[in-house]
Amino acid sequence: MSQQCHAPFISLEGIDGAGKSTHVPAIYRWIGEQGFKWIHTREPGGTPLGEQLRTLVLNTPMQAETEALMMFAARAEHIHQVILPALKRGDWVVSDRFSDASVAYQGGGRELGVSKVEALESWTHPGLQPDLTLLFDLSPEIAAQRLQSGRGDRDRFELEQTTFFDRVRAAYLQRAQQFPERFLVLDAAQSPERVWIRIEEVLEILKKRSVQA
């Protein structure tokens, strides 16, 4: 029987190759074992329009400003068509990336500046942020090795140079310092088993908070 609670919104963040997808099945299994319903979604994407924009963003060269605007266009659809309806139903929402990714990739990586991205964030979803953000932190050098050994064709973000991902990582860590109440920074260089132990601990805390809300 499903439990009644404030449904949490969880986002997974990190540079490409940090290992977010490795832990997705375990997270979903854990949520289900607690008796909660959940949905899995991703950004850019999550809606028919969002998936079309995802294909363009990942594969078509464009200006950094254009890229940021397209990310938030996809996000606006995602929020209103997927995230908010799911939370209203009482379903846990787990999203592979949210606005922290735009701060890191466009604000940091593309060097647009964090303030420009935060202005789009405030306009697109004022008052809505994840309850928990799992930041899989890993050096770009190790992430690049994982990408080379673990995947086939790579998109234009995954093909970026190490210096790009250095900026992305730095922006992520700065964001985590800015919002420590919702970020959990995970050392993604550790074994998956050790990383999962820490994730499970914070999921237990989130469950207790959601039931009490």
N, C-alpha and C. Protein backbone atom coordinates (compact mmCIF):
# COMPACT_ATOMS: atom_id res chain seq x y z
N MET A 1 0.85 -1.20 0.00
CA MET A 1 0.00 0.00 0.00
C MET A 1 0.88 1.24 0.00
N SER A 2 0.60 2.19 -0.89
CA SER A 2 1.41 3.39 -0.96
C SER A 2 1.13 4.28 0.24
N GLN A 3 2.17 5.02 0.67
CA GLN A 3 2.06 5.89 1.82
C GLN A 3 1.72 7.30 1.38
N GLN A 4 1.05 8.05 2.26
CA GLN A 4 0.73 9.44 1.99
C GLN A 4 1.84 10.33 2.52
N CYS A 5 2.34 11.24 1.71
CA CYS A 5 3.43 12.09 2.14
C CYS A 5 3.59 13.24 1.17
N HIS A 6 4.48 14.14 1.53
CA HIS A 6 4.93 15.16 0.59
C HIS A 6 5.88 14.48 -0.37
N ALA A 7 5.53 14.38 -1.64
CA ALA A 7 6.35 13.67 -2.61
C ALA A 7 7.63 14.45 -2.90
N PRO A 8 8.79 13.84 -2.72
CA PRO A 8 10.05 14.54 -2.98
C PRO A 8 10.41 14.60 -4.46
N PHE A 9 11.16 15.62 -4.80
CA PHE A 9 11.72 15.83 -6.12
C PHE A 9 13.23 15.68 -5.99
N ILE A 10 13.79 14.69 -6.69
CA ILE A 10 15.22 14.38 -6.62
C ILE A 10 15.85 14.61 -7.99
N SER A 11 16.98 15.28 -8.02
CA SER A 11 17.72 15.45 -9.27
C SER A 11 19.09 14.81 -9.15
N LEU A 12 19.58 14.29 -10.27
CA LEU A 12 20.90 13.68 -10.34
C LEU A 12 21.77 14.56 -11.24
N GLU A 13 22.93 14.96 -10.74
CA GLU A 13 23.79 15.88 -11.47
C GLU A 13 25.23 15.37 -11.50
N GLY A 14 26.00 15.93 -12.43
CA GLY A 14 27.41 15.58 -12.54
C GLY A 14 27.87 15.71 -13.98
N ILE A 15 29.18 15.78 -14.17
CA ILE A 15 29.70 15.88 -15.52
C ILE A 15 29.47 14.56 -16.26
N ASP A 16 29.53 14.61 -17.57
CA ASP A 16 29.35 13.40 -18.37
C ASP A 16 30.41 12.37 -18.00
N GLY A 17 29.96 11.15 -17.73
CA GLY A 17 30.88 10.09 -17.34
C GLY A 17 31.05 9.91 -15.85
N ALA A 18 30.33 10.71 -15.05
CA ALA A 18 30.48 10.63 -13.59
C ALA A 18 29.78 9.41 -12.99
N GLY A 19 28.88 8.78 -13.73
CA GLY A 19 28.27 7.55 -13.24
C GLY A 19 26.88 7.66 -12.67
N LYS A 20 26.15 8.72 -13.05
CA LYS A 20 24.77 8.87 -12.54
C LYS A 20 23.91 7.66 -12.86
N SER A 21 23.97 7.22 -14.11
CA SER A 21 23.07 6.14 -14.56
C SER A 21 23.34 4.82 -13.85
N THR A 22 24.53 4.65 -13.31
CA THR A 22 24.86 3.41 -12.61
C THR A 22 23.94 3.17 -11.42
N HIS A 23 23.52 4.26 -10.77
CA HIS A 23 22.76 4.14 -9.53
C HIS A 23 21.25 4.30 -9.72
N VAL A 24 20.82 4.62 -10.92
CA VAL A 24 19.40 4.83 -11.16
C VAL A 24 18.57 3.60 -10.81
N PRO A 25 18.91 2.40 -11.28
CA PRO A 25 18.08 1.23 -10.93
C PRO A 25 17.95 1.01 -9.44
N ALA A 26 19.04 1.20 -8.70
CA ALA A 26 19.00 0.99 -7.25
C ALA A 26 18.12 2.03 -6.56
N ILE A 27 18.16 3.26 -7.05
CA ILE A 27 17.31 4.31 -6.47
C ILE A 27 15.85 3.99 -6.68
N TYR A 28 15.48 3.57 -7.88
CA TYR A 28 14.08 3.24 -8.16
C TYR A 28 13.62 2.03 -7.36
N ARG A 29 14.51 1.05 -7.26
CA ARG A 29 14.16 -0.14 -6.49
C ARG A 29 13.93 0.23 -5.02
N TRP A 30 14.78 1.08 -4.48
CA TRP A 30 14.64 1.50 -3.09
C TRP A 30 13.33 2.24 -2.87
N ILE A 31 12.99 3.17 -3.75
CA ILE A 31 11.74 3.93 -3.61
C ILE A 31 10.54 2.99 -3.64
N GLY A 32 10.55 2.05 -4.58
CA GLY A 32 9.45 1.09 -4.68
C GLY A 32 9.33 0.22 -3.46
N GLU A 33 10.46 -0.18 -2.89
CA GLU A 33 10.44 -1.03 -1.70
C GLU A 33 9.87 -0.30 -0.49
N GLN A 34 9.92 1.03 -0.51
CA GLN A 34 9.34 1.82 0.59
C GLN A 34 7.84 2.00 0.44
N GLY A 35 7.29 1.55 -0.68
CA GLY A 35 5.86 1.65 -0.91
C GLY A 35 5.42 2.90 -1.63
N PHE A 36 6.36 3.62 -2.25
CA PHE A 36 6.02 4.86 -2.95
C PHE A 36 5.98 4.65 -4.45
N LYS A 37 5.17 5.46 -5.12
CA LYS A 37 5.19 5.49 -6.58
C LYS A 37 6.23 6.52 -7.02
N TRP A 38 6.78 6.33 -8.21
CA TRP A 38 7.81 7.23 -8.68
C TRP A 38 7.78 7.32 -10.20
N ILE A 39 8.38 8.39 -10.71
CA ILE A 39 8.60 8.49 -12.15
C ILE A 39 10.06 8.84 -12.39
N HIS A 40 10.57 8.40 -13.51
CA HIS A 40 11.93 8.72 -13.95
C HIS A 40 11.83 9.61 -15.18
N THR A 41 12.58 10.69 -15.19
CA THR A 41 12.56 11.57 -16.33
C THR A 41 13.94 12.17 -16.53
N ARG A 42 14.11 12.99 -17.55
CA ARG A 42 15.44 13.51 -17.82
C ARG A 42 15.38 14.87 -18.50
N GLU A 43 16.52 15.57 -18.42
CA GLU A 43 16.65 16.85 -19.09
C GLU A 43 17.97 16.90 -19.86
N PRO A 44 17.98 17.58 -21.02
CA PRO A 44 16.76 18.03 -21.72
C PRO A 44 15.96 16.83 -22.18
N GLY A 45 14.67 16.98 -22.22
CA GLY A 45 13.78 15.89 -22.63
C GLY A 45 12.58 15.81 -21.72
N GLY A 46 12.06 14.60 -21.57
CA GLY A 46 10.95 14.38 -20.67
C GLY A 46 9.57 14.56 -21.27
N THR A 47 9.49 15.31 -22.37
CA THR A 47 8.23 15.51 -23.10
C THR A 47 8.52 15.35 -24.58
N PRO A 48 7.49 15.18 -25.42
CA PRO A 48 7.75 15.07 -26.87
C PRO A 48 8.54 16.27 -27.41
N LEU A 49 8.14 17.49 -27.03
CA LEU A 49 8.88 18.66 -27.48
C LEU A 49 10.28 18.67 -26.89
N GLY A 50 10.38 18.33 -25.60
CA GLY A 50 11.68 18.31 -24.95
C GLY A 50 12.65 17.34 -25.60
N GLU A 51 12.15 16.19 -26.04
CA GLU A 51 13.02 15.21 -26.69
C GLU A 51 13.50 15.71 -28.05
N GLN A 52 12.64 16.44 -28.76
CA GLN A 52 13.07 17.04 -30.03
C GLN A 52 14.15 18.08 -29.79
N LEU A 53 13.95 18.91 -28.77
CA LEU A 53 14.95 19.92 -28.44
C LEU A 53 16.24 19.26 -27.96
N ARG A 54 16.13 18.14 -27.25
CA ARG A 54 17.31 17.40 -26.80
C ARG A 54 18.18 16.99 -27.99
N THR A 55 17.54 16.44 -29.01
CA THR A 55 18.28 16.01 -30.20
C THR A 55 19.03 17.18 -30.83
N LEU A 56 18.37 18.32 -30.91
CA LEU A 56 19.01 19.50 -31.49
C LEU A 56 20.17 19.98 -30.62
N VAL A 57 19.93 20.09 -29.32
CA VAL A 57 20.96 20.62 -28.42
C VAL A 57 22.19 19.73 -28.37
N LEU A 58 21.99 18.42 -28.36
CA LEU A 58 23.12 17.50 -28.21
C LEU A 58 23.91 17.30 -29.50
N ASN A 59 23.30 17.64 -30.63
CA ASN A 59 23.95 17.30 -31.89
C ASN A 59 24.17 18.45 -32.86
N THR A 60 23.58 19.62 -32.60
CA THR A 60 23.67 20.73 -33.54
C THR A 60 24.48 21.87 -32.95
N PRO A 61 25.57 22.29 -33.62
CA PRO A 61 26.33 23.44 -33.12
C PRO A 61 25.45 24.68 -33.06
N MET A 62 25.60 25.48 -32.03
CA MET A 62 24.79 26.70 -31.86
C MET A 62 25.48 27.64 -30.90
N GLN A 63 25.01 28.87 -30.87
CA GLN A 63 25.53 29.85 -29.94
C GLN A 63 25.20 29.43 -28.50
N ALA A 64 26.06 29.82 -27.58
CA ALA A 64 25.85 29.46 -26.17
C ALA A 64 24.53 30.01 -25.65
N GLU A 65 24.18 31.23 -26.06
CA GLU A 65 22.91 31.82 -25.62
C GLU A 65 21.72 31.02 -26.15
N THR A 66 21.82 30.59 -27.40
CA THR A 66 20.76 29.77 -27.99
C THR A 66 20.61 28.46 -27.23
N GLU A 67 21.75 27.86 -26.90
CA GLU A 67 21.75 26.60 -26.18
C GLU A 67 21.05 26.75 -24.83
N ALA A 68 21.37 27.81 -24.10
CA ALA A 68 20.75 28.03 -22.79
C ALA A 68 19.25 28.25 -22.91
N LEU A 69 18.84 29.03 -23.89
CA LEU A 69 17.41 29.29 -24.08
C LEU A 69 16.65 28.02 -24.45
N MET A 70 17.27 27.17 -25.27
CA MET A 70 16.61 25.92 -25.64
C MET A 70 16.51 24.98 -24.44
N MET A 71 17.51 24.98 -23.59
CA MET A 71 17.45 24.16 -22.39
C MET A 71 16.27 24.56 -21.52
N PHE A 72 16.09 25.87 -21.35
CA PHE A 72 15.00 26.33 -20.49
C PHE A 72 13.65 26.23 -21.18
N ALA A 73 13.60 26.28 -22.49
CA ALA A 73 12.35 26.03 -23.20
C ALA A 73 11.89 24.59 -22.96
N ALA A 74 12.84 23.66 -23.09
CA ALA A 74 12.52 22.26 -22.81
C ALA A 74 12.13 22.07 -21.35
N ARG A 75 12.80 22.79 -20.46
CA ARG A 75 12.53 22.66 -19.03
C ARG A 75 11.13 23.18 -18.67
N ALA A 76 10.72 24.27 -19.28
CA ALA A 76 9.40 24.81 -18.99
C ALA A 76 8.31 23.78 -19.32
N GLU A 77 8.43 23.13 -20.48
CA GLU A 77 7.49 22.08 -20.84
C GLU A 77 7.56 20.91 -19.86
N HIS A 78 8.78 20.55 -19.50
CA HIS A 78 9.01 19.42 -18.60
C HIS A 78 8.35 19.65 -17.24
N ILE A 79 8.52 20.85 -16.72
CA ILE A 79 7.96 21.18 -15.41
C ILE A 79 6.44 21.09 -15.42
N HIS A 80 5.82 21.71 -16.42
CA HIS A 80 4.36 21.81 -16.43
C HIS A 80 3.66 20.54 -16.91
N GLN A 81 4.32 19.77 -17.74
CA GLN A 81 3.69 18.55 -18.26
C GLN A 81 4.02 17.30 -17.46
N VAL A 82 5.17 17.29 -16.79
CA VAL A 82 5.63 16.06 -16.14
C VAL A 82 5.85 16.24 -14.64
N ILE A 83 6.73 17.15 -14.27
CA ILE A 83 7.17 17.23 -12.87
C ILE A 83 6.05 17.65 -11.93
N LEU A 84 5.42 18.78 -12.20
CA LEU A 84 4.38 19.26 -11.29
C LEU A 84 3.18 18.31 -11.22
N PRO A 85 2.69 17.76 -12.34
CA PRO A 85 1.58 16.80 -12.24
C PRO A 85 1.95 15.57 -11.41
N ALA A 86 3.18 15.09 -11.54
CA ALA A 86 3.60 13.91 -10.78
C ALA A 86 3.66 14.22 -9.28
N LEU A 87 4.22 15.35 -8.93
CA LEU A 87 4.29 15.73 -7.52
C LEU A 87 2.90 15.92 -6.94
N LYS A 88 2.00 16.48 -7.74
CA LYS A 88 0.62 16.66 -7.28
C LYS A 88 -0.06 15.33 -7.02
N ARG A 89 0.27 14.31 -7.83
CA ARG A 89 -0.29 12.97 -7.63
C ARG A 89 0.30 12.29 -6.40
N GLY A 90 1.41 12.80 -5.90
CA GLY A 90 2.09 12.16 -4.78
C GLY A 90 3.19 11.22 -5.19
N ASP A 91 3.61 11.27 -6.46
CA ASP A 91 4.69 10.42 -6.95
C ASP A 91 6.05 11.07 -6.69
N TRP A 92 7.01 10.26 -6.29
CA TRP A 92 8.39 10.75 -6.21
C TRP A 92 8.88 11.02 -7.62
N VAL A 93 9.59 12.10 -7.81
CA VAL A 93 10.14 12.44 -9.13
C VAL A 93 11.66 12.36 -9.06
N VAL A 94 12.25 11.57 -9.96
CA VAL A 94 13.70 11.47 -10.06
C VAL A 94 14.08 11.92 -11.47
N SER A 95 14.80 13.03 -11.56
CA SER A 95 15.15 13.59 -12.86
C SER A 95 16.66 13.56 -13.07
N ASP A 96 17.05 13.02 -14.21
CA ASP A 96 18.44 13.07 -14.62
C ASP A 96 18.72 14.48 -15.13
N ARG A 97 19.21 15.34 -14.25
CA ARG A 97 19.52 16.75 -14.46
C ARG A 97 18.29 17.65 -14.29
N PHE A 98 18.58 18.87 -13.82
CA PHE A 98 17.59 19.95 -13.73
C PHE A 98 18.36 21.25 -13.91
N SER A 99 17.91 22.34 -13.33
CA SER A 99 18.52 23.64 -13.63
C SER A 99 19.97 23.78 -13.18
N ASP A 100 20.38 23.00 -12.18
CA ASP A 100 21.79 23.05 -11.79
C ASP A 100 22.69 22.70 -12.97
N ALA A 101 22.20 21.85 -13.85
CA ALA A 101 22.98 21.48 -15.04
C ALA A 101 23.19 22.68 -15.95
N SER A 102 22.18 23.53 -16.07
CA SER A 102 22.32 24.72 -16.92
C SER A 102 23.31 25.71 -16.31
N VAL A 103 23.24 25.85 -14.98
CA VAL A 103 24.21 26.71 -14.30
C VAL A 103 25.63 26.20 -14.57
N ALA A 104 25.81 24.87 -14.49
CA ALA A 104 27.14 24.29 -14.65
C ALA A 104 27.60 24.28 -16.11
N TYR A 105 26.74 23.78 -17.01
CA TYR A 105 27.16 23.61 -18.40
C TYR A 105 27.13 24.90 -19.22
N GLN A 106 26.04 25.64 -19.13
CA GLN A 106 25.98 26.88 -19.90
C GLN A 106 26.64 28.04 -19.14
N GLY A 107 26.32 28.16 -17.84
CA GLY A 107 26.91 29.23 -17.06
C GLY A 107 28.40 29.08 -16.88
N GLY A 108 28.84 27.86 -16.54
CA GLY A 108 30.25 27.60 -16.31
C GLY A 108 30.99 27.13 -17.55
N GLY A 109 30.55 26.00 -18.09
CA GLY A 109 31.24 25.42 -19.24
C GLY A 109 31.30 26.33 -20.45
N ARG A 110 30.16 26.91 -20.81
CA ARG A 110 30.09 27.81 -21.97
C ARG A 110 30.49 29.25 -21.62
N GLU A 111 30.71 29.48 -20.33
CA GLU A 111 31.17 30.79 -19.83
C GLU A 111 30.17 31.92 -20.09
N LEU A 112 28.87 31.57 -20.05
CA LEU A 112 27.84 32.60 -20.15
C LEU A 112 27.77 33.44 -18.88
N GLY A 113 28.16 32.84 -17.78
CA GLY A 113 28.03 33.51 -16.49
C GLY A 113 26.82 32.98 -15.75
N VAL A 114 26.99 32.73 -14.48
CA VAL A 114 25.93 32.15 -13.67
C VAL A 114 24.72 33.07 -13.57
N SER A 115 24.94 34.36 -13.51
CA SER A 115 23.82 35.30 -13.30
C SER A 115 22.81 35.24 -14.44
N LYS A 116 23.27 35.06 -15.67
CA LYS A 116 22.34 34.98 -16.80
C LYS A 116 21.47 33.73 -16.69
N VAL A 117 22.10 32.62 -16.31
CA VAL A 117 21.35 31.37 -16.19
C VAL A 117 20.38 31.45 -15.02
N GLU A 118 20.82 32.04 -13.93
CA GLU A 118 19.93 32.17 -12.76
C GLU A 118 18.73 33.06 -13.06
N ALA A 119 18.90 34.03 -13.97
CA ALA A 119 17.77 34.87 -14.36
C ALA A 119 16.73 34.03 -15.11
N LEU A 120 17.19 33.14 -15.99
CA LEU A 120 16.27 32.25 -16.69
C LEU A 120 15.61 31.28 -15.71
N GLU A 121 16.38 30.83 -14.75
CA GLU A 121 15.86 29.92 -13.73
C GLU A 121 14.74 30.58 -12.93
N SER A 122 14.97 31.82 -12.51
CA SER A 122 13.96 32.54 -11.72
C SER A 122 12.69 32.79 -12.52
N TRP A 123 12.84 32.99 -13.81
CA TRP A 123 11.70 33.25 -14.67
C TRP A 123 10.92 31.97 -14.96
N THR A 124 11.65 30.88 -15.21
CA THR A 124 11.01 29.63 -15.63
C THR A 124 10.36 28.87 -14.49
N HIS A 125 11.00 28.80 -13.34
CA HIS A 125 10.42 28.03 -12.23
C HIS A 125 10.71 28.68 -10.88
N PRO A 126 10.17 29.86 -10.64
CA PRO A 126 10.35 30.50 -9.34
C PRO A 126 9.75 29.64 -8.22
N GLY A 127 10.55 29.38 -7.22
CA GLY A 127 10.05 28.62 -6.07
C GLY A 127 10.15 27.11 -6.19
N LEU A 128 10.51 26.60 -7.35
CA LEU A 128 10.61 25.15 -7.53
C LEU A 128 12.07 24.74 -7.64
N GLN A 129 12.52 23.93 -6.69
CA GLN A 129 13.85 23.33 -6.72
C GLN A 129 13.73 21.90 -6.20
N PRO A 130 14.67 21.04 -6.56
CA PRO A 130 14.63 19.69 -6.00
C PRO A 130 14.74 19.70 -4.48
N ASP A 131 14.15 18.70 -3.85
CA ASP A 131 14.32 18.51 -2.41
C ASP A 131 15.70 17.93 -2.11
N LEU A 132 16.23 17.17 -3.07
CA LEU A 132 17.54 16.55 -2.93
C LEU A 132 18.23 16.54 -4.29
N THR A 133 19.48 16.99 -4.31
CA THR A 133 20.28 16.93 -5.52
C THR A 133 21.51 16.09 -5.23
N LEU A 134 21.63 14.97 -5.92
CA LEU A 134 22.80 14.10 -5.80
C LEU A 134 23.81 14.52 -6.84
N LEU A 135 24.93 15.08 -6.40
CA LEU A 135 25.98 15.53 -7.31
C LEU A 135 27.10 14.50 -7.32
N PHE A 136 27.22 13.81 -8.45
CA PHE A 136 28.27 12.81 -8.62
C PHE A 136 29.53 13.55 -9.09
N ASP A 137 30.45 13.73 -8.16
CA ASP A 137 31.63 14.54 -8.43
C ASP A 137 32.80 13.65 -8.84
N LEU A 138 33.40 14.00 -9.97
CA LEU A 138 34.50 13.19 -10.51
C LEU A 138 35.41 14.08 -11.34
N SER A 139 36.69 13.79 -11.33
CA SER A 139 37.61 14.58 -12.13
C SER A 139 37.33 14.35 -13.62
N PRO A 140 37.46 15.38 -14.44
CA PRO A 140 37.22 15.22 -15.88
C PRO A 140 38.11 14.17 -16.52
N GLU A 141 39.32 13.99 -16.00
CA GLU A 141 40.23 13.01 -16.59
C GLU A 141 39.68 11.58 -16.43
N ILE A 142 39.21 11.27 -15.23
CA ILE A 142 38.64 9.93 -15.01
C ILE A 142 37.34 9.77 -15.78
N ALA A 143 36.52 10.83 -15.80
CA ALA A 143 35.26 10.76 -16.54
C ALA A 143 35.50 10.50 -18.01
N ALA A 144 36.53 11.14 -18.58
CA ALA A 144 36.85 10.95 -20.00
C ALA A 144 37.26 9.51 -20.28
N GLN A 145 38.01 8.92 -19.37
CA GLN A 145 38.40 7.51 -19.53
C GLN A 145 37.18 6.61 -19.52
N ARG A 146 36.23 6.90 -18.64
CA ARG A 146 35.02 6.09 -18.59
C ARG A 146 34.21 6.23 -19.88
N LEU A 147 34.13 7.45 -20.40
CA LEU A 147 33.37 7.67 -21.63
C LEU A 147 33.99 6.93 -22.81
N GLN A 148 35.31 6.95 -22.88
CA GLN A 148 36.00 6.30 -23.99
C GLN A 148 35.83 4.79 -23.96
N SER A 149 35.76 4.23 -22.76
CA SER A 149 35.68 2.77 -22.65
C SER A 149 34.26 2.22 -22.58
N GLY A 150 33.29 3.09 -22.30
CA GLY A 150 31.96 2.58 -22.01
C GLY A 150 30.87 2.92 -23.00
N ARG A 151 31.13 3.77 -24.00
CA ARG A 151 30.06 4.17 -24.90
C ARG A 151 30.51 4.16 -26.35
N GLY A 152 29.53 4.20 -27.24
CA GLY A 152 29.81 4.29 -28.66
C GLY A 152 29.89 5.73 -29.09
N ASP A 153 28.93 6.14 -29.92
CA ASP A 153 28.91 7.51 -30.39
C ASP A 153 28.68 8.48 -29.24
N ARG A 154 29.42 9.57 -29.25
CA ARG A 154 29.28 10.57 -28.20
C ARG A 154 28.72 11.87 -28.78
N ASP A 155 27.91 12.57 -27.94
CA ASP A 155 27.33 13.83 -28.41
C ASP A 155 28.34 14.95 -28.28
N ARG A 156 27.93 16.16 -28.69
CA ARG A 156 28.90 17.25 -28.76
C ARG A 156 29.35 17.74 -27.37
N PHE A 157 28.56 17.48 -26.33
CA PHE A 157 29.02 17.80 -24.97
C PHE A 157 30.09 16.82 -24.54
N GLU A 158 29.86 15.55 -24.77
CA GLU A 158 30.82 14.52 -24.36
C GLU A 158 32.14 14.64 -25.10
N LEU A 159 32.13 15.30 -26.24
CA LEU A 159 33.35 15.49 -27.03
C LEU A 159 34.13 16.74 -26.63
N GLU A 160 33.63 17.49 -25.68
CA GLU A 160 34.32 18.70 -25.25
C GLU A 160 35.66 18.37 -24.59
N GLN A 161 36.54 19.38 -24.55
CA GLN A 161 37.87 19.22 -23.95
C GLN A 161 37.79 19.21 -22.42
N THR A 162 38.87 18.75 -21.80
CA THR A 162 38.93 18.68 -20.34
C THR A 162 38.73 20.03 -19.69
N THR A 163 39.24 21.09 -20.32
CA THR A 163 39.09 22.42 -19.73
C THR A 163 37.62 22.83 -19.61
N PHE A 164 36.80 22.40 -20.56
CA PHE A 164 35.37 22.66 -20.50
C PHE A 164 34.77 22.01 -19.26
N PHE A 165 35.11 20.74 -19.05
CA PHE A 165 34.56 20.01 -17.91
C PHE A 165 35.15 20.48 -16.58
N ASP A 166 36.36 21.02 -16.61
CA ASP A 166 36.89 21.65 -15.41
C ASP A 166 35.99 22.80 -14.97
N ARG A 167 35.55 23.60 -15.94
CA ARG A 167 34.67 24.72 -15.62
C ARG A 167 33.30 24.24 -15.17
N VAL A 168 32.79 23.20 -15.81
CA VAL A 168 31.49 22.63 -15.42
C VAL A 168 31.57 22.11 -13.99
N ARG A 169 32.60 21.36 -13.70
CA ARG A 169 32.75 20.79 -12.35
C ARG A 169 32.86 21.89 -11.30
N ALA A 170 33.64 22.91 -11.59
CA ALA A 170 33.80 24.02 -10.64
C ALA A 170 32.47 24.71 -10.38
N ALA A 171 31.67 24.90 -11.44
CA ALA A 171 30.36 25.55 -11.28
C ALA A 171 29.42 24.68 -10.45
N TYR A 172 29.48 23.37 -10.67
CA TYR A 172 28.66 22.45 -9.87
C TYR A 172 29.02 22.55 -8.38
N LEU A 173 30.32 22.53 -8.09
CA LEU A 173 30.75 22.55 -6.69
C LEU A 173 30.42 23.89 -6.04
N GLN A 174 30.50 24.96 -6.80
CA GLN A 174 30.12 26.26 -6.27
C GLN A 174 28.62 26.30 -5.97
N ARG A 175 27.84 25.71 -6.84
CA ARG A 175 26.39 25.63 -6.65
C ARG A 175 26.07 24.82 -5.39
N ALA A 176 26.81 23.72 -5.17
CA ALA A 176 26.60 22.90 -3.99
C ALA A 176 26.92 23.67 -2.71
N GLN A 177 27.92 24.52 -2.76
CA GLN A 177 28.25 25.35 -1.61
C GLN A 177 27.17 26.40 -1.38
N GLN A 178 26.55 26.86 -2.47
CA GLN A 178 25.51 27.87 -2.37
C GLN A 178 24.23 27.31 -1.75
N PHE A 179 23.93 26.03 -2.05
CA PHE A 179 22.71 25.40 -1.57
C PHE A 179 23.02 24.09 -0.85
N PRO A 180 23.74 24.15 0.26
CA PRO A 180 24.15 22.91 0.96
C PRO A 180 22.99 22.13 1.55
N GLU A 181 21.83 22.80 1.75
CA GLU A 181 20.70 22.12 2.37
C GLU A 181 20.07 21.07 1.46
N ARG A 182 20.29 21.17 0.16
CA ARG A 182 19.70 20.18 -0.74
C ARG A 182 20.72 19.36 -1.52
N PHE A 183 21.97 19.76 -1.52
CA PHE A 183 23.00 19.04 -2.27
C PHE A 183 23.67 17.97 -1.40
N LEU A 184 23.89 16.80 -2.00
CA LEU A 184 24.78 15.80 -1.44
C LEU A 184 25.87 15.55 -2.49
N VAL A 185 27.09 15.95 -2.16
CA VAL A 185 28.22 15.76 -3.08
C VAL A 185 28.81 14.38 -2.83
N LEU A 186 28.82 13.57 -3.87
CA LEU A 186 29.29 12.19 -3.78
C LEU A 186 30.63 12.04 -4.49
N ASP A 187 31.55 11.37 -3.86
CA ASP A 187 32.84 11.08 -4.49
C ASP A 187 32.64 9.93 -5.47
N ALA A 188 32.44 10.27 -6.73
CA ALA A 188 32.11 9.26 -7.74
C ALA A 188 33.31 8.44 -8.17
N ALA A 189 34.51 8.74 -7.62
CA ALA A 189 35.68 7.91 -7.91
C ALA A 189 35.68 6.65 -7.05
N GLN A 190 34.86 6.63 -6.01
CA GLN A 190 34.75 5.46 -5.16
C GLN A 190 34.03 4.32 -5.89
N SER A 191 34.04 3.17 -5.29
CA SER A 191 33.30 2.04 -5.86
C SER A 191 31.81 2.33 -5.82
N PRO A 192 31.03 1.78 -6.76
CA PRO A 192 29.58 1.98 -6.74
C PRO A 192 28.95 1.55 -5.42
N GLU A 193 29.50 0.54 -4.78
CA GLU A 193 28.95 0.05 -3.52
C GLU A 193 29.08 1.12 -2.42
N ARG A 194 30.22 1.77 -2.35
CA ARG A 194 30.43 2.80 -1.34
C ARG A 194 29.57 4.03 -1.62
N VAL A 195 29.45 4.38 -2.89
CA VAL A 195 28.60 5.52 -3.25
C VAL A 195 27.16 5.24 -2.88
N TRP A 196 26.71 4.01 -3.13
CA TRP A 196 25.32 3.67 -2.83
C TRP A 196 25.02 3.74 -1.34
N ILE A 197 25.97 3.37 -0.50
CA ILE A 197 25.75 3.43 0.94
C ILE A 197 25.38 4.86 1.35
N ARG A 198 26.09 5.83 0.80
CA ARG A 198 25.82 7.22 1.14
C ARG A 198 24.47 7.67 0.57
N ILE A 199 24.15 7.24 -0.65
CA ILE A 199 22.87 7.60 -1.26
C ILE A 199 21.72 7.05 -0.42
N GLU A 200 21.83 5.80 -0.01
CA GLU A 200 20.75 5.18 0.77
C GLU A 200 20.54 5.90 2.08
N GLU A 201 21.63 6.34 2.70
CA GLU A 201 21.51 7.07 3.97
C GLU A 201 20.68 8.34 3.80
N VAL A 202 20.96 9.09 2.74
CA VAL A 202 20.25 10.36 2.55
C VAL A 202 18.82 10.13 2.07
N LEU A 203 18.58 9.03 1.34
CA LEU A 203 17.21 8.71 0.94
C LEU A 203 16.36 8.38 2.17
N GLU A 204 16.93 7.72 3.15
CA GLU A 204 16.21 7.43 4.39
C GLU A 204 15.82 8.72 5.10
N ILE A 205 16.74 9.67 5.13
CA ILE A 205 16.44 10.97 5.75
C ILE A 205 15.34 11.69 4.99
N LEU A 206 15.42 11.64 3.67
CA LEU A 206 14.40 12.30 2.84
C LEU A 206 13.04 11.66 3.04
N LYS A 207 13.00 10.35 3.17
CA LYS A 207 11.74 9.65 3.41
C LYS A 207 11.10 10.11 4.71
N LYS A 208 11.88 10.19 5.76
CA LYS A 208 11.35 10.63 7.06
C LYS A 208 10.80 12.04 6.98
N ARG A 209 11.51 12.92 6.29
CA ARG A 209 11.04 14.30 6.15
C ARG A 209 9.76 14.37 5.36
N SER A 210 9.66 13.56 4.30
CA SER A 210 8.48 13.62 3.43
C SER A 210 7.25 13.09 4.14
N VAL A 211 7.42 12.08 4.97
CA VAL A 211 6.29 11.50 5.69
C VAL A 211 5.80 12.46 6.76
N GLN A 212 6.71 13.19 7.37
CA GLN A 212 6.36 14.13 8.43
C GLN A 212 5.73 15.42 7.88
N ALA A 213 5.97 15.71 6.58
CA ALA A 213 5.49 16.98 6.01
C ALA A 213 3.97 17.04 5.96
